[in-house]
Amino acid sequence: DRDAIAIPNEGIVEEMGNYFVFKKVCDGEYEKTQVALGATDGRRT
């Protein structure tokens, strides 16, 4: 009964126990952004 933001697991990278995604800031440039993860269904987190 709740809504959440979830993305495919392929979009998440892990470094030294921290998790990141690459957020588009403009055309051709992506910002490495640290995120906190919740539940996963095996395909999306």
PDB file of all heavy atoms in Angstrom:
ATOM      1  N   ASP A   1       0.824  -1.208   0.000  1.00  0.00           N
ATOM      2  CA  ASP A   1       0.000   0.000   0.000  1.00  0.00           C
ATOM      3  C   ASP A   1       0.860   1.260   0.000  1.00  0.00           C
ATOM      4  O   ASP A   1       0.428   2.320   0.412  1.00  0.00           O
ATOM      5  CB  ASP A   1      -0.938   0.007   1.217  1.00  0.00           C
ATOM      6  CG  ASP A   1      -0.168  -0.133   2.527  1.00  0.00           C
ATOM      7  OD1 ASP A   1       1.071  -0.273   2.476  1.00  0.00           O
ATOM      8  OD2 ASP A   1      -0.813  -0.107   3.590  1.00  0.00           O
ATOM      9  N   ARG A   2       2.105   1.139  -0.463  1.00  0.00           N
ATOM     10  CA  ARG A   2       2.985   2.292  -0.481  1.00  0.00           C
ATOM     11  C   ARG A   2       3.658   2.414  -1.838  1.00  0.00           C
ATOM     12  O   ARG A   2       3.777   1.447  -2.592  1.00  0.00           O
ATOM     13  CB  ARG A   2       4.059   2.170   0.602  1.00  0.00           C
ATOM     14  CG  ARG A   2       5.054   1.048   0.378  1.00  0.00           C
ATOM     15  CD  ARG A   2       6.001   0.895   1.550  1.00  0.00           C
ATOM     16  NE  ARG A   2       6.974  -0.169   1.328  1.00  0.00           N
ATOM     17  CZ  ARG A   2       8.178   0.023   0.802  1.00  0.00           C
ATOM     18  NH1 ARG A   2       8.563   1.255   0.454  1.00  0.00           N
ATOM     19  NH2 ARG A   2       9.015  -0.984   0.621  1.00  0.00           N
ATOM     20  N   ASP A   3       4.100   3.644  -2.163  1.00  0.00           N
ATOM     21  CA  ASP A   3       4.840   3.905  -3.380  1.00  0.00           C
ATOM     22  C   ASP A   3       6.294   4.180  -3.022  1.00  0.00           C
ATOM     23  O   ASP A   3       6.604   4.691  -1.940  1.00  0.00           O
ATOM     24  CB  ASP A   3       4.261   5.112  -4.131  1.00  0.00           C
ATOM     25  CG  ASP A   3       2.878   4.818  -4.698  1.00  0.00           C
ATOM     26  OD1 ASP A   3       2.570   3.633  -4.879  1.00  0.00           O
ATOM     27  OD2 ASP A   3       2.118   5.771  -4.941  1.00  0.00           O
ATOM     28  N   ALA A   4       7.195   3.848  -3.921  1.00  0.00           N
ATOM     29  CA  ALA A   4       8.616   4.044  -3.667  1.00  0.00           C
ATOM     30  C   ALA A   4       9.338   4.237  -4.991  1.00  0.00           C
ATOM     31  O   ALA A   4       8.810   3.938  -6.068  1.00  0.00           O
ATOM     32  CB  ALA A   4       9.202   2.849  -2.917  1.00  0.00           C
ATOM     33  N   ILE A   5      10.552   4.768  -4.902  1.00  0.00           N
ATOM     34  CA  ILE A   5      11.428   4.865  -6.061  1.00  0.00           C
ATOM     35  C   ILE A   5      12.279   3.610  -6.100  1.00  0.00           C
ATOM     36  O   ILE A   5      12.926   3.243  -5.121  1.00  0.00           O
ATOM     37  CB  ILE A   5      12.318   6.115  -5.980  1.00  0.00           C
ATOM     38  CG1 ILE A   5      11.468   7.384  -6.131  1.00  0.00           C
ATOM     39  CG2 ILE A   5      13.403   6.085  -7.046  1.00  0.00           C
ATOM     40  CD1 ILE A   5      12.255   8.671  -5.951  1.00  0.00           C
ATOM     41  N   ALA A   6      12.285   2.916  -7.225  1.00  0.00           N
ATOM     42  CA  ALA A   6      13.076   1.697  -7.383  1.00  0.00           C
ATOM     43  C   ALA A   6      13.692   1.698  -8.769  1.00  0.00           C
ATOM     44  O   ALA A   6      13.079   2.164  -9.735  1.00  0.00           O
ATOM     45  CB  ALA A   6      12.212   0.453  -7.178  1.00  0.00           C
ATOM     46  N   ILE A   7      14.911   1.188  -8.877  1.00  0.00           N
ATOM     47  CA  ILE A   7      15.591   1.127 -10.164  1.00  0.00           C
ATOM     48  C   ILE A   7      16.135  -0.274 -10.375  1.00  0.00           C
ATOM     49  O   ILE A   7      16.321  -1.033  -9.419  1.00  0.00           O
ATOM     50  CB  ILE A   7      16.734   2.165 -10.267  1.00  0.00           C
ATOM     51  CG1 ILE A   7      17.888   1.794  -9.332  1.00  0.00           C
ATOM     52  CG2 ILE A   7      16.234   3.563  -9.968  1.00  0.00           C
ATOM     53  CD1 ILE A   7      19.125   2.629  -9.566  1.00  0.00           C
ATOM     54  N   PRO A   8      16.418  -0.643 -11.637  1.00  0.00           N
ATOM     55  CA  PRO A   8      17.026  -1.955 -11.900  1.00  0.00           C
ATOM     56  C   PRO A   8      18.364  -2.089 -11.192  1.00  0.00           C
ATOM     57  O   PRO A   8      19.114  -1.127 -11.046  1.00  0.00           O
ATOM     58  CB  PRO A   8      17.196  -1.959 -13.427  1.00  0.00           C
ATOM     59  CG  PRO A   8      16.164  -1.007 -13.922  1.00  0.00           C
ATOM     60  CD  PRO A   8      16.075   0.066 -12.882  1.00  0.00           C
ATOM     61  N   ASN A   9      18.667  -3.295 -10.751  1.00  0.00           N
ATOM     62  CA  ASN A   9      19.905  -3.530 -10.007  1.00  0.00           C
ATOM     63  C   ASN A   9      21.152  -3.211 -10.827  1.00  0.00           C
ATOM     64  O   ASN A   9      22.211  -2.903 -10.268  1.00  0.00           O
ATOM     65  CB  ASN A   9      19.965  -4.983  -9.528  1.00  0.00           C
ATOM     66  CG  ASN A   9      18.938  -5.265  -8.456  1.00  0.00           C
ATOM     67  OD1 ASN A   9      18.312  -4.355  -7.917  1.00  0.00           O
ATOM     68  ND2 ASN A   9      18.750  -6.532  -8.141  1.00  0.00           N
ATOM     69  N   GLU A  10      21.042  -3.276 -12.160  1.00  0.00           N
ATOM     70  CA  GLU A  10      22.189  -2.968 -13.013  1.00  0.00           C
ATOM     71  C   GLU A  10      22.625  -1.516 -12.873  1.00  0.00           C
ATOM     72  O   GLU A  10      23.771  -1.180 -13.191  1.00  0.00           O
ATOM     73  CB  GLU A  10      21.855  -3.246 -14.477  1.00  0.00           C
ATOM     74  CG  GLU A  10      21.722  -4.706 -14.836  1.00  0.00           C
ATOM     75  CD  GLU A  10      21.416  -4.876 -16.304  1.00  0.00           C
ATOM     76  OE1 GLU A  10      22.343  -4.904 -17.119  1.00  0.00           O
ATOM     77  OE2 GLU A  10      20.214  -4.962 -16.641  1.00  0.00           O
ATOM     78  N   GLY A  11      21.725  -0.661 -12.407  1.00  0.00           N
ATOM     79  CA  GLY A  11      22.048   0.748 -12.283  1.00  0.00           C
ATOM     80  C   GLY A  11      22.757   1.102 -10.988  1.00  0.00           C
ATOM     81  O   GLY A  11      23.077   2.278 -10.767  1.00  0.00           O
ATOM     82  N   ILE A  12      22.990   0.124 -10.121  1.00  0.00           N
ATOM     83  CA  ILE A  12      23.599   0.377  -8.814  1.00  0.00           C
ATOM     84  C   ILE A  12      25.006  -0.203  -8.806  1.00  0.00           C
ATOM     85  O   ILE A  12      25.218  -1.356  -9.187  1.00  0.00           O
ATOM     86  CB  ILE A  12      22.762  -0.258  -7.686  1.00  0.00           C
ATOM     87  CG1 ILE A  12      21.332   0.288  -7.718  1.00  0.00           C
ATOM     88  CG2 ILE A  12      23.397   0.003  -6.327  1.00  0.00           C
ATOM     89  CD1 ILE A  12      20.379  -0.439  -6.792  1.00  0.00           C
ATOM     90  N   VAL A  13      25.980   0.622  -8.391  1.00  0.00           N
ATOM     91  CA  VAL A  13      27.362   0.153  -8.253  1.00  0.00           C
ATOM     92  C   VAL A  13      27.749   0.214  -6.785  1.00  0.00           C
ATOM     93  O   VAL A  13      27.218   1.034  -6.022  1.00  0.00           O
ATOM     94  CB  VAL A  13      28.330   0.984  -9.113  1.00  0.00           C
ATOM     95  CG1 VAL A  13      28.023   0.820 -10.581  1.00  0.00           C
ATOM     96  CG2 VAL A  13      28.292   2.457  -8.722  1.00  0.00           C
ATOM     97  N   GLU A  14      28.652  -0.669  -6.402  1.00  0.00           N
ATOM     98  CA  GLU A  14      29.070  -0.744  -5.001  1.00  0.00           C
ATOM     99  C   GLU A  14      30.566  -0.495  -4.889  1.00  0.00           C
ATOM    100  O   GLU A  14      31.356  -0.996  -5.700  1.00  0.00           O
ATOM    101  CB  GLU A  14      28.722  -2.122  -4.448  1.00  0.00           C
ATOM    102  CG  GLU A  14      28.996  -2.286  -2.952  1.00  0.00           C
ATOM    103  CD  GLU A  14      30.363  -2.867  -2.663  1.00  0.00           C
ATOM    104  OE1 GLU A  14      30.933  -3.507  -3.570  1.00  0.00           O
ATOM    105  OE2 GLU A  14      30.870  -2.655  -1.542  1.00  0.00           O
ATOM    106  N   GLU A  15      30.935   0.326  -3.916  1.00  0.00           N
ATOM    107  CA  GLU A  15      32.342   0.604  -3.643  1.00  0.00           C
ATOM    108  C   GLU A  15      32.553   0.614  -2.143  1.00  0.00           C
ATOM    109  O   GLU A  15      31.979   1.442  -1.431  1.00  0.00           O
ATOM    110  CB  GLU A  15      32.770   1.956  -4.234  1.00  0.00           C
ATOM    111  CG  GLU A  15      32.831   1.986  -5.754  1.00  0.00           C
ATOM    112  CD  GLU A  15      33.326   3.323  -6.277  1.00  0.00           C
ATOM    113  OE1 GLU A  15      33.674   4.191  -5.433  1.00  0.00           O
ATOM    114  OE2 GLU A  15      33.338   3.517  -7.506  1.00  0.00           O
ATOM    115  N   MET A  16      33.345  -0.335  -1.659  1.00  0.00           N
ATOM    116  CA  MET A  16      33.720  -0.392  -0.250  1.00  0.00           C
ATOM    117  C   MET A  16      32.508  -0.336   0.681  1.00  0.00           C
ATOM    118  O   MET A  16      32.493   0.369   1.688  1.00  0.00           O
ATOM    119  CB  MET A  16      34.693   0.741   0.078  1.00  0.00           C
ATOM    120  CG  MET A  16      35.985   0.692  -0.741  1.00  0.00           C
ATOM    121  SD  MET A  16      37.123   2.048  -0.373  1.00  0.00           S
ATOM    122  CE  MET A  16      37.537   1.645   1.335  1.00  0.00           C
ATOM    123  N   GLY A  17      31.476  -1.064   0.318  1.00  0.00           N
ATOM    124  CA  GLY A  17      30.289  -1.138   1.148  1.00  0.00           C
ATOM    125  C   GLY A  17      29.298  -0.018   0.962  1.00  0.00           C
ATOM    126  O   GLY A  17      28.230  -0.032   1.582  1.00  0.00           O
ATOM    127  N   ASN A  18      29.610   0.965   0.117  1.00  0.00           N
ATOM    128  CA  ASN A  18      28.684   2.059  -0.187  1.00  0.00           C
ATOM    129  C   ASN A  18      28.108   1.861  -1.579  1.00  0.00           C
ATOM    130  O   ASN A  18      28.741   1.257  -2.450  1.00  0.00           O
ATOM    131  CB  ASN A  18      29.403   3.412  -0.098  1.00  0.00           C
ATOM    132  CG  ASN A  18      29.911   3.713   1.294  1.00  0.00           C
ATOM    133  OD1 ASN A  18      29.198   3.518   2.278  1.00  0.00           O
ATOM    134  ND2 ASN A  18      31.157   4.171   1.401  1.00  0.00           N
ATOM    135  N   TYR A  19      26.928   2.393  -1.780  1.00  0.00           N
ATOM    136  CA  TYR A  19      26.230   2.196  -3.048  1.00  0.00           C
ATOM    137  C   TYR A  19      26.008   3.530  -3.741  1.00  0.00           C
ATOM    138  O   TYR A  19      25.728   4.550  -3.104  1.00  0.00           O
ATOM    139  CB  TYR A  19      24.894   1.481  -2.810  1.00  0.00           C
ATOM    140  CG  TYR A  19      25.076   0.102  -2.231  1.00  0.00           C
ATOM    141  CD1 TYR A  19      25.072  -0.091  -0.841  1.00  0.00           C
ATOM    142  CD2 TYR A  19      25.286  -1.000  -3.043  1.00  0.00           C
ATOM    143  CE1 TYR A  19      25.261  -1.361  -0.299  1.00  0.00           C
ATOM    144  CE2 TYR A  19      25.473  -2.275  -2.504  1.00  0.00           C
ATOM    145  CZ  TYR A  19      25.459  -2.440  -1.138  1.00  0.00           C
ATOM    146  OH  TYR A  19      25.647  -3.680  -0.611  1.00  0.00           O
ATOM    147  N   PHE A  20      26.123   3.492  -5.087  1.00  0.00           N
ATOM    148  CA  PHE A  20      26.044   4.713  -5.873  1.00  0.00           C
ATOM    149  C   PHE A  20      25.222   4.469  -7.129  1.00  0.00           C
ATOM    150  O   PHE A  20      25.122   3.343  -7.622  1.00  0.00           O
ATOM    151  CB  PHE A  20      27.445   5.196  -6.277  1.00  0.00           C
ATOM    152  CG  PHE A  20      28.363   5.472  -5.122  1.00  0.00           C
ATOM    153  CD1 PHE A  20      29.127   4.452  -4.560  1.00  0.00           C
ATOM    154  CD2 PHE A  20      28.470   6.749  -4.596  1.00  0.00           C
ATOM    155  CE1 PHE A  20      29.976   4.694  -3.502  1.00  0.00           C
ATOM    156  CE2 PHE A  20      29.321   7.007  -3.527  1.00  0.00           C
ATOM    157  CZ  PHE A  20      30.072   5.986  -2.987  1.00  0.00           C
ATOM    158  N   VAL A  21      24.660   5.568  -7.642  1.00  0.00           N
ATOM    159  CA  VAL A  21      24.059   5.583  -8.968  1.00  0.00           C
ATOM    160  C   VAL A  21      24.662   6.753  -9.721  1.00  0.00           C
ATOM    161  O   VAL A  21      25.254   7.659  -9.124  1.00  0.00           O
ATOM    162  CB  VAL A  21      22.518   5.705  -8.910  1.00  0.00           C
ATOM    163  CG1 VAL A  21      21.902   4.543  -8.167  1.00  0.00           C
ATOM    164  CG2 VAL A  21      22.102   7.036  -8.288  1.00  0.00           C
ATOM    165  N   PHE A  22      24.521   6.743 -11.044  1.00  0.00           N
ATOM    166  CA  PHE A  22      25.011   7.854 -11.857  1.00  0.00           C
ATOM    167  C   PHE A  22      23.810   8.644 -12.356  1.00  0.00           C
ATOM    168  O   PHE A  22      23.025   8.167 -13.171  1.00  0.00           O
ATOM    169  CB  PHE A  22      25.863   7.328 -13.014  1.00  0.00           C
ATOM    170  CG  PHE A  22      27.210   6.834 -12.564  1.00  0.00           C
ATOM    171  CD1 PHE A  22      27.410   5.490 -12.282  1.00  0.00           C
ATOM    172  CD2 PHE A  22      28.266   7.712 -12.389  1.00  0.00           C
ATOM    173  CE1 PHE A  22      28.644   5.032 -11.853  1.00  0.00           C
ATOM    174  CE2 PHE A  22      29.515   7.257 -11.959  1.00  0.00           C
ATOM    175  CZ  PHE A  22      29.692   5.916 -11.689  1.00  0.00           C
ATOM    176  N   LYS A  23      23.704   9.869 -11.828  1.00  0.00           N
ATOM    177  CA  LYS A  23      22.580  10.748 -12.148  1.00  0.00           C
ATOM    178  C   LYS A  23      22.989  11.704 -13.259  1.00  0.00           C
ATOM    179  O   LYS A  23      24.060  12.313 -13.212  1.00  0.00           O
ATOM    180  CB  LYS A  23      22.156  11.519 -10.903  1.00  0.00           C
ATOM    181  CG  LYS A  23      20.989  12.469 -11.121  1.00  0.00           C
ATOM    182  CD  LYS A  23      20.473  13.023  -9.804  1.00  0.00           C
ATOM    183  CE  LYS A  23      21.523  13.847  -9.092  1.00  0.00           C
ATOM    184  NZ  LYS A  23      20.976  14.487  -7.875  1.00  0.00           N
ATOM    185  N   LYS A  24      22.148  11.837 -14.259  1.00  0.00           N
ATOM    186  CA  LYS A  24      22.455  12.721 -15.378  1.00  0.00           C
ATOM    187  C   LYS A  24      22.314  14.174 -14.936  1.00  0.00           C
ATOM    188  O   LYS A  24      21.269  14.582 -14.426  1.00  0.00           O
ATOM    189  CB  LYS A  24      21.535  12.433 -16.560  1.00  0.00           C
ATOM    190  CG  LYS A  24      21.875  13.278 -17.785  1.00  0.00           C
ATOM    191  CD  LYS A  24      21.052  12.880 -18.988  1.00  0.00           C
ATOM    192  CE  LYS A  24      21.463  13.709 -20.190  1.00  0.00           C
ATOM    193  NZ  LYS A  24      20.668  13.399 -21.377  1.00  0.00           N
ATOM    194  N   VAL A  25      23.383  14.943 -15.127  1.00  0.00           N
ATOM    195  CA  VAL A  25      23.338  16.367 -14.789  1.00  0.00           C
ATOM    196  C   VAL A  25      23.148  17.213 -16.034  1.00  0.00           C
ATOM    197  O   VAL A  25      22.594  18.315 -15.968  1.00  0.00           O
ATOM    198  CB  VAL A  25      24.598  16.800 -14.022  1.00  0.00           C
ATOM    199  CG1 VAL A  25      24.633  16.135 -12.658  1.00  0.00           C
ATOM    200  CG2 VAL A  25      25.870  16.452 -14.785  1.00  0.00           C
ATOM    201  N   CYS A  26      23.649  16.749 -17.154  1.00  0.00           N
ATOM    202  CA  CYS A  26      23.420  17.390 -18.447  1.00  0.00           C
ATOM    203  C   CYS A  26      23.850  16.413 -19.524  1.00  0.00           C
ATOM    204  O   CYS A  26      24.317  15.310 -19.221  1.00  0.00           O
ATOM    205  CB  CYS A  26      24.174  18.711 -18.560  1.00  0.00           C
ATOM    206  SG  CYS A  26      25.944  18.539 -18.431  1.00  0.00           S
ATOM    207  N   ASP A  27      23.712  16.811 -20.760  1.00  0.00           N
ATOM    208  CA  ASP A  27      23.976  15.902 -21.859  1.00  0.00           C
ATOM    209  C   ASP A  27      25.440  15.466 -21.860  1.00  0.00           C
ATOM    210  O   ASP A  27      26.350  16.293 -21.953  1.00  0.00           O
ATOM    211  CB  ASP A  27      23.638  16.585 -23.192  1.00  0.00           C
ATOM    212  CG  ASP A  27      23.626  15.596 -24.330  1.00  0.00           C
ATOM    213  OD1 ASP A  27      23.137  14.473 -24.114  1.00  0.00           O
ATOM    214  OD2 ASP A  27      24.117  15.942 -25.424  1.00  0.00           O
ATOM    215  N   GLY A  28      25.676  14.139 -21.706  1.00  0.00           N
ATOM    216  CA  GLY A  28      27.026  13.610 -21.730  1.00  0.00           C
ATOM    217  C   GLY A  28      27.754  13.652 -20.408  1.00  0.00           C
ATOM    218  O   GLY A  28      28.933  13.281 -20.346  1.00  0.00           O
ATOM    219  N   GLU A  29      27.115  14.085 -19.325  1.00  0.00           N
ATOM    220  CA  GLU A  29      27.769  14.144 -18.024  1.00  0.00           C
ATOM    221  C   GLU A  29      26.860  13.543 -16.951  1.00  0.00           C
ATOM    222  O   GLU A  29      25.653  13.827 -16.902  1.00  0.00           O
ATOM    223  CB  GLU A  29      28.146  15.581 -17.661  1.00  0.00           C
ATOM    224  CG  GLU A  29      29.231  16.146 -18.559  1.00  0.00           C
ATOM    225  CD  GLU A  29      29.760  17.474 -18.067  1.00  0.00           C
ATOM    226  OE1 GLU A  29      29.221  17.988 -17.061  1.00  0.00           O
ATOM    227  OE2 GLU A  29      30.698  18.013 -18.677  1.00  0.00           O
ATOM    228  N   TYR A  30      27.479  12.744 -16.068  1.00  0.00           N
ATOM    229  CA  TYR A  30      26.737  12.010 -15.061  1.00  0.00           C
ATOM    230  C   TYR A  30      27.439  12.162 -13.718  1.00  0.00           C
ATOM    231  O   TYR A  30      28.658  12.013 -13.621  1.00  0.00           O
ATOM    232  CB  TYR A  30      26.635  10.530 -15.445  1.00  0.00           C
ATOM    233  CG  TYR A  30      26.005  10.325 -16.789  1.00  0.00           C
ATOM    234  CD1 TYR A  30      26.792  10.301 -17.939  1.00  0.00           C
ATOM    235  CD2 TYR A  30      24.633  10.203 -16.923  1.00  0.00           C
ATOM    236  CE1 TYR A  30      26.223  10.144 -19.194  1.00  0.00           C
ATOM    237  CE2 TYR A  30      24.046  10.036 -18.168  1.00  0.00           C
ATOM    238  CZ  TYR A  30      24.843  10.016 -19.303  1.00  0.00           C
ATOM    239  OH  TYR A  30      24.268   9.861 -20.537  1.00  0.00           O
ATOM    240  N   GLU A  31      26.646  12.435 -12.701  1.00  0.00           N
ATOM    241  CA  GLU A  31      27.192  12.638 -11.369  1.00  0.00           C
ATOM    242  C   GLU A  31      27.039  11.366 -10.548  1.00  0.00           C
ATOM    243  O   GLU A  31      25.951  10.796 -10.415  1.00  0.00           O
ATOM    244  CB  GLU A  31      26.475  13.781 -10.659  1.00  0.00           C
ATOM    245  CG  GLU A  31      27.025  14.076  -9.271  1.00  0.00           C
ATOM    246  CD  GLU A  31      26.296  15.201  -8.571  1.00  0.00           C
ATOM    247  OE1 GLU A  31      25.242  15.637  -9.082  1.00  0.00           O
ATOM    248  OE2 GLU A  31      26.771  15.642  -7.519  1.00  0.00           O
ATOM    249  N   LYS A  32      28.170  10.920  -9.995  1.00  0.00           N
ATOM    250  CA  LYS A  32      28.164   9.750  -9.117  1.00  0.00           C
ATOM    251  C   LYS A  32      27.541  10.144  -7.784  1.00  0.00           C
ATOM    252  O   LYS A  32      28.063  10.993  -7.060  1.00  0.00           O
ATOM    253  CB  LYS A  32      29.598   9.258  -8.911  1.00  0.00           C
ATOM    254  CG  LYS A  32      29.746   8.050  -8.017  1.00  0.00           C
ATOM    255  CD  LYS A  32      31.218   7.707  -7.892  1.00  0.00           C
ATOM    256  CE  LYS A  32      31.452   6.628  -6.865  1.00  0.00           C
ATOM    257  NZ  LYS A  32      32.886   6.364  -6.683  1.00  0.00           N
ATOM    258  N   THR A  33      26.382   9.528  -7.452  1.00  0.00           N
ATOM    259  CA  THR A  33      25.587   9.938  -6.304  1.00  0.00           C
ATOM    260  C   THR A  33      25.407   8.768  -5.344  1.00  0.00           C
ATOM    261  O   THR A  33      24.949   7.694  -5.739  1.00  0.00           O
ATOM    262  CB  THR A  33      24.200  10.432  -6.766  1.00  0.00           C
ATOM    263  OG1 THR A  33      24.374  11.478  -7.728  1.00  0.00           O
ATOM    264  CG2 THR A  33      23.383  10.949  -5.599  1.00  0.00           C
ATOM    265  N   GLN A  34      25.770   8.987  -4.088  1.00  0.00           N
ATOM    266  CA  GLN A  34      25.597   7.932  -3.088  1.00  0.00           C
ATOM    267  C   GLN A  34      24.126   7.808  -2.716  1.00  0.00           C
ATOM    268  O   GLN A  34      23.426   8.815  -2.545  1.00  0.00           O
ATOM    269  CB  GLN A  34      26.428   8.221  -1.851  1.00  0.00           C
ATOM    270  CG  GLN A  34      26.387   7.087  -0.825  1.00  0.00           C
ATOM    271  CD  GLN A  34      27.373   7.284   0.314  1.00  0.00           C
ATOM    272  OE1 GLN A  34      28.190   8.197   0.270  1.00  0.00           O
ATOM    273  NE2 GLN A  34      27.306   6.424   1.324  1.00  0.00           N
ATOM    274  N   VAL A  35      23.658   6.578  -2.584  1.00  0.00           N
ATOM    275  CA  VAL A  35      22.254   6.323  -2.259  1.00  0.00           C
ATOM    276  C   VAL A  35      22.174   5.317  -1.127  1.00  0.00           C
ATOM    277  O   VAL A  35      23.117   4.561  -0.864  1.00  0.00           O
ATOM    278  CB  VAL A  35      21.476   5.798  -3.489  1.00  0.00           C
ATOM    279  CG1 VAL A  35      21.398   6.842  -4.582  1.00  0.00           C
ATOM    280  CG2 VAL A  35      22.120   4.516  -4.031  1.00  0.00           C
ATOM    281  N   ALA A  36      21.036   5.287  -0.474  1.00  0.00           N
ATOM    282  CA  ALA A  36      20.721   4.287   0.544  1.00  0.00           C
ATOM    283  C   ALA A  36      19.683   3.345  -0.038  1.00  0.00           C
ATOM    284  O   ALA A  36      18.688   3.788  -0.630  1.00  0.00           O
ATOM    285  CB  ALA A  36      20.200   4.945   1.819  1.00  0.00           C
ATOM    286  N   LEU A  37      19.905   2.053   0.126  1.00  0.00           N
ATOM    287  CA  LEU A  37      19.042   1.048  -0.485  1.00  0.00           C
ATOM    288  C   LEU A  37      18.012   0.518   0.499  1.00  0.00           C
ATOM    289  O   LEU A  37      18.261   0.446   1.705  1.00  0.00           O
ATOM    290  CB  LEU A  37      19.881  -0.114  -1.015  1.00  0.00           C
ATOM    291  CG  LEU A  37      21.017   0.240  -1.979  1.00  0.00           C
ATOM    292  CD1 LEU A  37      21.703  -1.038  -2.458  1.00  0.00           C
ATOM    293  CD2 LEU A  37      20.521   1.061  -3.149  1.00  0.00           C
ATOM    294  N   GLY A  38      16.873   0.125  -0.057  1.00  0.00           N
ATOM    295  CA  GLY A  38      15.832  -0.527   0.726  1.00  0.00           C
ATOM    296  C   GLY A  38      15.685  -1.972   0.294  1.00  0.00           C
ATOM    297  O   GLY A  38      16.668  -2.675   0.060  1.00  0.00           O
ATOM    298  N   ALA A  39      14.469  -2.413   0.146  1.00  0.00           N
ATOM    299  CA  ALA A  39      14.191  -3.799  -0.227  1.00  0.00           C
ATOM    300  C   ALA A  39      14.481  -4.024  -1.702  1.00  0.00           C
ATOM    301  O   ALA A  39      14.526  -3.087  -2.505  1.00  0.00           O
ATOM    302  CB  ALA A  39      12.740  -4.148   0.090  1.00  0.00           C
ATOM    303  N   THR A  40      14.690  -5.274  -2.076  1.00  0.00           N
ATOM    304  CA  THR A  40      14.898  -5.643  -3.475  1.00  0.00           C
ATOM    305  C   THR A  40      14.055  -6.859  -3.814  1.00  0.00           C
ATOM    306  O   THR A  40      13.799  -7.706  -2.944  1.00  0.00           O
ATOM    307  CB  THR A  40      16.372  -5.936  -3.768  1.00  0.00           C
ATOM    308  OG1 THR A  40      16.523  -6.280  -5.154  1.00  0.00           O
ATOM    309  CG2 THR A  40      16.880  -7.085  -2.917  1.00  0.00           C
ATOM    310  N   ASP A  41      13.590  -6.934  -5.054  1.00  0.00           N
ATOM    311  CA  ASP A  41      12.854  -8.113  -5.499  1.00  0.00           C
ATOM    312  C   ASP A  41      13.712  -8.991  -6.405  1.00  0.00           C
ATOM    313  O   ASP A  41      13.206  -9.875  -7.090  1.00  0.00           O
ATOM    314  CB  ASP A  41      11.564  -7.717  -6.215  1.00  0.00           C
ATOM    315  CG  ASP A  41      11.817  -6.923  -7.494  1.00  0.00           C
ATOM    316  OD1 ASP A  41      13.001  -6.717  -7.855  1.00  0.00           O
ATOM    317  OD2 ASP A  41      10.832  -6.487  -8.123  1.00  0.00           O
ATOM    318  N   GLY A  42      15.022  -8.733  -6.379  1.00  0.00           N
ATOM    319  CA  GLY A  42      15.929  -9.509  -7.212  1.00  0.00           C
ATOM    320  C   GLY A  42      16.248  -8.848  -8.526  1.00  0.00           C
ATOM    321  O   GLY A  42      17.301  -9.099  -9.111  1.00  0.00           O
ATOM    322  N   ARG A  43      15.350  -7.988  -8.998  1.00  0.00           N
ATOM    323  CA  ARG A  43      15.575  -7.269 -10.250  1.00  0.00           C
ATOM    324  C   ARG A  43      15.662  -5.766 -10.032  1.00  0.00           C
ATOM    325  O   ARG A  43      16.495  -5.100 -10.638  1.00  0.00           O
ATOM    326  CB  ARG A  43      14.457  -7.566 -11.253  1.00  0.00           C
ATOM    327  CG  ARG A  43      14.569  -8.930 -11.910  1.00  0.00           C
ATOM    328  CD  ARG A  43      13.619  -9.028 -13.087  1.00  0.00           C
ATOM    329  NE  ARG A  43      13.961 -10.162 -13.931  1.00  0.00           N
ATOM    330  CZ  ARG A  43      13.379 -10.437 -15.094  1.00  0.00           C
ATOM    331  NH1 ARG A  43      12.412  -9.642 -15.536  1.00  0.00           N
ATOM    332  NH2 ARG A  43      13.740 -11.463 -15.811  1.00  0.00           N
ATOM    333  N   ARG A  44      14.792  -5.260  -9.181  1.00  0.00           N
ATOM    334  CA  ARG A  44      14.776  -3.830  -8.884  1.00  0.00           C
ATOM    335  C   ARG A  44      14.958  -3.640  -7.383  1.00  0.00           C
ATOM    336  O   ARG A  44      14.525  -4.472  -6.582  1.00  0.00           O
ATOM    337  CB  ARG A  44      13.465  -3.181  -9.350  1.00  0.00           C
ATOM    338  CG  ARG A  44      13.241  -3.271 -10.859  1.00  0.00           C
ATOM    339  CD  ARG A  44      11.892  -2.668 -11.247  1.00  0.00           C
ATOM    340  NE  ARG A  44      11.873  -1.234 -11.099  1.00  0.00           N
ATOM    341  CZ  ARG A  44      12.257  -0.379 -12.052  1.00  0.00           C
ATOM    342  NH1 ARG A  44      12.713  -0.834 -13.212  1.00  0.00           N
ATOM    343  NH2 ARG A  44      12.210   0.917 -11.852  1.00  0.00           N
ATOM    344  N   THR A  45      15.605  -2.520  -7.024  1.00  0.00           N
ATOM    345  CA  THR A  45      15.878  -2.238  -5.630  1.00  0.00           C
ATOM    346  C   THR A  45      15.344  -0.866  -5.269  1.00  0.00           C
ATOM    347  O   THR A  45      15.477   0.093  -6.037  1.00  0.00           O
ATOM    348  CB  THR A  45      17.391  -2.292  -5.356  1.00  0.00           C
ATOM    349  OG1 THR A  45      17.860  -3.620  -5.611  1.00  0.00           O
ATOM    350  CG2 THR A  45      17.707  -1.932  -3.912  1.00  0.00           C
TER     351      THR A  45
END
